[in-house]
Amino acid sequence: MSDLTFGEWLTAELQARRWTPAELARRSNLSSVEGFLNDLETSYVTQIRLARALGLPEQTVHARYAEGRPLALERARAAKIQQAIACIRGLLALHTPASKIHWQEQSILEQFEKLPDDDRIEVLAGVADSPHLREDFLAQLNALLPDPVEASA
């Protein structure tokens, strides 16, 4: 696996040429290249345009995209997990009146259920030590894991 995402590699190519993203966009006949620098999806046709603008073989750009994709996906997943942990911790820390805690927890459960199974495990590990997490609610979250584990007392 590459140690650079496609966006990082592309940024390095721009820096080596002393081009701005706007210059690359102009040379590749694209409206913008900002999204590609941030590792958004890059179509095969766009990769060809970028290769031609950079004066590189098309295969080089295709290979760099393929090599950097796993790292970009891994980083995006890690960022989503951290965002979910921060959101849940923030909701748990709110001074919510007892009459509204049920609705707050329902909101957390709905968000938690939308996560892929592997992400749920990591998010729960990231919030399990929260001082605001009640044991019964922890059990509800735990029940949503692919292989629920016994809650430690």
C-alpha atoms as a PDB file:
ATOM      1  CA  MET A   1       0.000   0.000   0.000  1.00  0.00           C
ATOM      2  CA  SER A   2       1.194   3.498  -0.796  1.00  0.00           C
ATOM      3  CA  ASP A   3       2.123   5.893   1.988  1.00  0.00           C
ATOM      4  CA  LEU A   4       0.443   8.723   0.064  1.00  0.00           C
ATOM      5  CA  THR A   5      -3.153   9.192  -0.927  1.00  0.00           C
ATOM      6  CA  PHE A   6      -3.862  10.219  -4.502  1.00  0.00           C
ATOM      7  CA  GLY A   7      -4.520  13.777  -3.324  1.00  0.00           C
ATOM      8  CA  GLU A   8      -1.181  13.923  -1.500  1.00  0.00           C
ATOM      9  CA  TRP A   9       0.636  12.543  -4.524  1.00  0.00           C
ATOM     10  CA  LEU A  10      -1.130  15.020  -6.811  1.00  0.00           C
ATOM     11  CA  THR A  11      -0.278  17.888  -4.450  1.00  0.00           C
ATOM     12  CA  ALA A  12       3.380  16.846  -4.532  1.00  0.00           C
ATOM     13  CA  GLU A  13       3.279  16.788  -8.341  1.00  0.00           C
ATOM     14  CA  LEU A  14       1.864  20.318  -8.356  1.00  0.00           C
ATOM     15  CA  GLN A  15       4.519  21.535  -5.930  1.00  0.00           C
ATOM     16  CA  ALA A  16       7.294  19.977  -8.027  1.00  0.00           C
ATOM     17  CA  ARG A  17       5.995  21.889 -11.062  1.00  0.00           C
ATOM     18  CA  ARG A  18       5.202  25.026  -9.051  1.00  0.00           C
ATOM     19  CA  TRP A  19       1.652  24.906 -10.319  1.00  0.00           C
ATOM     20  CA  THR A  20      -1.446  25.973  -8.478  1.00  0.00           C
ATOM     21  CA  PRO A  21      -4.546  23.788  -8.457  1.00  0.00           C
ATOM     22  CA  ALA A  22      -6.122  26.360 -10.779  1.00  0.00           C
ATOM     23  CA  GLU A  23      -3.250  25.887 -13.249  1.00  0.00           C
ATOM     24  CA  LEU A  24      -3.725  22.117 -13.244  1.00  0.00           C
ATOM     25  CA  ALA A  25      -7.471  22.573 -13.714  1.00  0.00           C
ATOM     26  CA  ARG A  26      -6.842  24.860 -16.686  1.00  0.00           C
ATOM     27  CA  ARG A  27      -4.295  22.500 -18.253  1.00  0.00           C
ATOM     28  CA  SER A  28      -6.527  19.463 -17.751  1.00  0.00           C
ATOM     29  CA  ASN A  29      -9.687  21.250 -18.926  1.00  0.00           C
ATOM     30  CA  LEU A  30     -11.452  20.643 -15.608  1.00  0.00           C
ATOM     31  CA  SER A  31     -13.507  23.205 -13.717  1.00  0.00           C
ATOM     32  CA  SER A  32     -11.613  22.459 -10.496  1.00  0.00           C
ATOM     33  CA  VAL A  33      -9.166  19.954  -9.047  1.00  0.00           C
ATOM     34  CA  GLU A  34      -9.687  20.825  -5.374  1.00  0.00           C
ATOM     35  CA  GLY A  35     -11.778  17.698  -4.752  1.00  0.00           C
ATOM     36  CA  PHE A  36      -9.061  15.438  -6.137  1.00  0.00           C
ATOM     37  CA  LEU A  37      -6.518  17.025  -3.811  1.00  0.00           C
ATOM     38  CA  ASN A  38      -8.818  16.084  -0.936  1.00  0.00           C
ATOM     39  CA  ASP A  39      -9.099  12.478  -2.146  1.00  0.00           C
ATOM     40  CA  LEU A  40     -12.625  12.581  -3.464  1.00  0.00           C
ATOM     41  CA  GLU A  41     -13.603  10.118  -6.154  1.00  0.00           C
ATOM     42  CA  THR A  42     -11.651  10.592  -9.344  1.00  0.00           C
ATOM     43  CA  SER A  43     -13.103   9.064 -12.488  1.00  0.00           C
ATOM     44  CA  TYR A  44     -11.046   7.162 -15.037  1.00  0.00           C
ATOM     45  CA  VAL A  45     -11.590   9.936 -17.612  1.00  0.00           C
ATOM     46  CA  THR A  46     -10.487  12.592 -15.113  1.00  0.00           C
ATOM     47  CA  GLN A  47      -7.350  10.567 -14.376  1.00  0.00           C
ATOM     48  CA  ILE A  48      -6.579  10.559 -18.118  1.00  0.00           C
ATOM     49  CA  ARG A  49      -7.019  14.341 -18.274  1.00  0.00           C
ATOM     50  CA  LEU A  50      -4.761  14.796 -15.257  1.00  0.00           C
ATOM     51  CA  ALA A  51      -2.111  12.501 -16.759  1.00  0.00           C
ATOM     52  CA  ARG A  52      -2.078  14.436 -20.010  1.00  0.00           C
ATOM     53  CA  ALA A  53      -1.899  17.782 -18.206  1.00  0.00           C
ATOM     54  CA  LEU A  54       0.976  16.541 -16.039  1.00  0.00           C
ATOM     55  CA  GLY A  55       2.761  14.982 -19.012  1.00  0.00           C
ATOM     56  CA  LEU A  56       2.746  11.561 -17.358  1.00  0.00           C
ATOM     57  CA  PRO A  57       1.739   8.174 -18.755  1.00  0.00           C
ATOM     58  CA  GLU A  58      -1.918   7.465 -18.075  1.00  0.00           C
ATOM     59  CA  GLN A  59      -0.971   4.200 -16.382  1.00  0.00           C
ATOM     60  CA  THR A  60       1.143   6.098 -13.843  1.00  0.00           C
ATOM     61  CA  VAL A  61      -1.830   8.206 -12.747  1.00  0.00           C
ATOM     62  CA  HIS A  62      -4.180   5.200 -12.704  1.00  0.00           C
ATOM     63  CA  ALA A  63      -1.676   3.259 -10.592  1.00  0.00           C
ATOM     64  CA  ARG A  64      -1.198   6.153  -8.148  1.00  0.00           C
ATOM     65  CA  TYR A  65      -4.950   6.446  -7.721  1.00  0.00           C
ATOM     66  CA  ALA A  66      -5.331   2.696  -7.125  1.00  0.00           C
ATOM     67  CA  GLU A  67      -2.394   2.622  -4.700  1.00  0.00           C
ATOM     68  CA  GLY A  68      -3.553   5.613  -2.681  1.00  0.00           C
ATOM     69  CA  ARG A  69      -7.221   4.654  -2.509  1.00  0.00           C
ATOM     70  CA  PRO A  70      -6.962   2.200   0.434  1.00  0.00           C
ATOM     71  CA  LEU A  71      -5.139   4.788   2.529  1.00  0.00           C
ATOM     72  CA  ALA A  72      -7.688   7.474   1.663  1.00  0.00           C
ATOM     73  CA  LEU A  73     -10.548   5.127   2.590  1.00  0.00           C
ATOM     74  CA  GLU A  74      -8.825   4.136   5.827  1.00  0.00           C
ATOM     75  CA  ARG A  75      -8.310   7.775   6.789  1.00  0.00           C
ATOM     76  CA  ALA A  76     -11.897   8.685   5.895  1.00  0.00           C
ATOM     77  CA  ARG A  77     -13.196   5.794   8.014  1.00  0.00           C
ATOM     78  CA  ALA A  78     -11.013   6.812  10.966  1.00  0.00           C
ATOM     79  CA  ALA A  79     -12.258  10.395  10.685  1.00  0.00           C
ATOM     80  CA  LYS A  80     -15.903   9.255  10.640  1.00  0.00           C
ATOM     81  CA  ILE A  81     -15.326   7.082  13.700  1.00  0.00           C
ATOM     82  CA  GLN A  82     -13.693   9.945  15.583  1.00  0.00           C
ATOM     83  CA  GLN A  83     -16.545  12.241  14.573  1.00  0.00           C
ATOM     84  CA  ALA A  84     -19.128   9.726  15.822  1.00  0.00           C
ATOM     85  CA  ILE A  85     -17.257   9.301  19.115  1.00  0.00           C
ATOM     86  CA  ALA A  86     -17.069  13.063  19.604  1.00  0.00           C
ATOM     87  CA  CYS A  87     -20.764  13.471  18.763  1.00  0.00           C
ATOM     88  CA  ILE A  88     -21.898  10.730  21.151  1.00  0.00           C
ATOM     89  CA  ARG A  89     -19.611  11.950  23.938  1.00  0.00           C
ATOM     90  CA  GLY A  90     -20.954  15.465  23.408  1.00  0.00           C
ATOM     91  CA  LEU A  91     -24.561  14.313  23.577  1.00  0.00           C
ATOM     92  CA  LEU A  92     -23.880  12.241  26.681  1.00  0.00           C
ATOM     93  CA  ALA A  93     -22.225  15.191  28.400  1.00  0.00           C
ATOM     94  CA  LEU A  94     -25.196  17.496  27.862  1.00  0.00           C
ATOM     95  CA  HIS A  95     -27.074  18.387  31.016  1.00  0.00           C
ATOM     96  CA  THR A  96     -30.316  16.960  29.736  1.00  0.00           C
ATOM     97  CA  PRO A  97     -33.400  16.996  31.959  1.00  0.00           C
ATOM     98  CA  ALA A  98     -34.450  13.502  33.038  1.00  0.00           C
ATOM     99  CA  SER A  99     -37.667  13.886  31.040  1.00  0.00           C
ATOM    100  CA  LYS A 100     -35.677  14.227  27.815  1.00  0.00           C
ATOM    101  CA  ILE A 101     -32.895  11.674  28.330  1.00  0.00           C
ATOM    102  CA  HIS A 102     -34.943   9.011  26.540  1.00  0.00           C
ATOM    103  CA  TRP A 103     -35.114  11.161  23.384  1.00  0.00           C
ATOM    104  CA  GLN A 104     -31.422  11.967  23.614  1.00  0.00           C
ATOM    105  CA  GLU A 105     -30.553   8.277  23.889  1.00  0.00           C
ATOM    106  CA  GLN A 106     -32.900   7.411  21.009  1.00  0.00           C
ATOM    107  CA  SER A 107     -31.028   9.909  18.855  1.00  0.00           C
ATOM    108  CA  ILE A 108     -27.725   8.299  19.798  1.00  0.00           C
ATOM    109  CA  LEU A 109     -29.100   4.808  19.098  1.00  0.00           C
ATOM    110  CA  GLU A 110     -30.352   5.869  15.659  1.00  0.00           C
ATOM    111  CA  GLN A 111     -26.947   7.286  14.748  1.00  0.00           C
ATOM    112  CA  PHE A 112     -25.195   4.225  16.170  1.00  0.00           C
ATOM    113  CA  GLU A 113     -27.395   1.853  14.146  1.00  0.00           C
ATOM    114  CA  LYS A 114     -26.437   3.633  10.908  1.00  0.00           C
ATOM    115  CA  LEU A 115     -22.762   2.769  11.403  1.00  0.00           C
ATOM    116  CA  PRO A 116     -21.227  -0.342   9.817  1.00  0.00           C
ATOM    117  CA  ASP A 117     -20.716  -3.175  12.331  1.00  0.00           C
ATOM    118  CA  ASP A 118     -16.931  -2.781  12.558  1.00  0.00           C
ATOM    119  CA  ASP A 119     -17.299   0.954  13.130  1.00  0.00           C
ATOM    120  CA  ARG A 120     -19.835   0.355  15.916  1.00  0.00           C
ATOM    121  CA  ILE A 121     -17.259  -1.690  17.796  1.00  0.00           C
ATOM    122  CA  GLU A 122     -14.688   1.107  17.594  1.00  0.00           C
ATOM    123  CA  VAL A 123     -17.191   3.833  18.457  1.00  0.00           C
ATOM    124  CA  LEU A 124     -18.451   1.925  21.475  1.00  0.00           C
ATOM    125  CA  ALA A 125     -14.868   1.370  22.630  1.00  0.00           C
ATOM    126  CA  GLY A 126     -14.327   5.116  22.267  1.00  0.00           C
ATOM    127  CA  VAL A 127     -17.313   6.090  24.416  1.00  0.00           C
ATOM    128  CA  ALA A 128     -17.522   3.192  26.898  1.00  0.00           C
ATOM    129  CA  ASP A 129     -15.444   5.048  29.487  1.00  0.00           C
ATOM    130  CA  SER A 130     -17.643   8.150  29.382  1.00  0.00           C
ATOM    131  CA  PRO A 131     -18.707   9.065  32.922  1.00  0.00           C
ATOM    132  CA  HIS A 132     -22.119  10.054  31.538  1.00  0.00           C
ATOM    133  CA  LEU A 133     -22.874   6.639  29.999  1.00  0.00           C
ATOM    134  CA  ARG A 134     -25.390   4.729  32.083  1.00  0.00           C
ATOM    135  CA  GLU A 135     -24.975   0.938  32.342  1.00  0.00           C
ATOM    136  CA  ASP A 136     -28.434   0.216  30.922  1.00  0.00           C
ATOM    137  CA  PHE A 137     -27.778   2.445  27.923  1.00  0.00           C
ATOM    138  CA  LEU A 138     -24.347   0.865  27.438  1.00  0.00           C
ATOM    139  CA  ALA A 139     -26.135  -2.491  27.329  1.00  0.00           C
ATOM    140  CA  GLN A 140     -28.466  -1.161  24.604  1.00  0.00           C
ATOM    141  CA  LEU A 141     -25.507  -0.025  22.515  1.00  0.00           C
ATOM    142  CA  ASN A 142     -23.693  -3.287  23.148  1.00  0.00           C
ATOM    143  CA  ALA A 143     -26.736  -5.236  21.928  1.00  0.00           C
ATOM    144  CA  LEU A 144     -26.296  -3.559  18.526  1.00  0.00           C
ATOM    145  CA  LEU A 145     -22.821  -5.021  18.044  1.00  0.00           C
ATOM    146  CA  PRO A 146     -22.362  -7.970  15.672  1.00  0.00           C
ATOM    147  CA  ASP A 147     -21.281 -10.213  18.607  1.00  0.00           C
ATOM    148  CA  PRO A 148     -22.467  -8.488  21.786  1.00  0.00           C
ATOM    149  CA  VAL A 149     -20.092  -8.944  24.682  1.00  0.00           C
ATOM    150  CA  GLU A 150     -20.832  -9.076  28.382  1.00  0.00           C
ATOM    151  CA  ALA A 151     -20.795  -5.581  29.877  1.00  0.00           C
ATOM    152  CA  SER A 152     -18.097  -5.366  32.513  1.00  0.00           C
ATOM    153  CA  ALA A 153     -19.308  -4.369  35.928  1.00  0.00           C
END
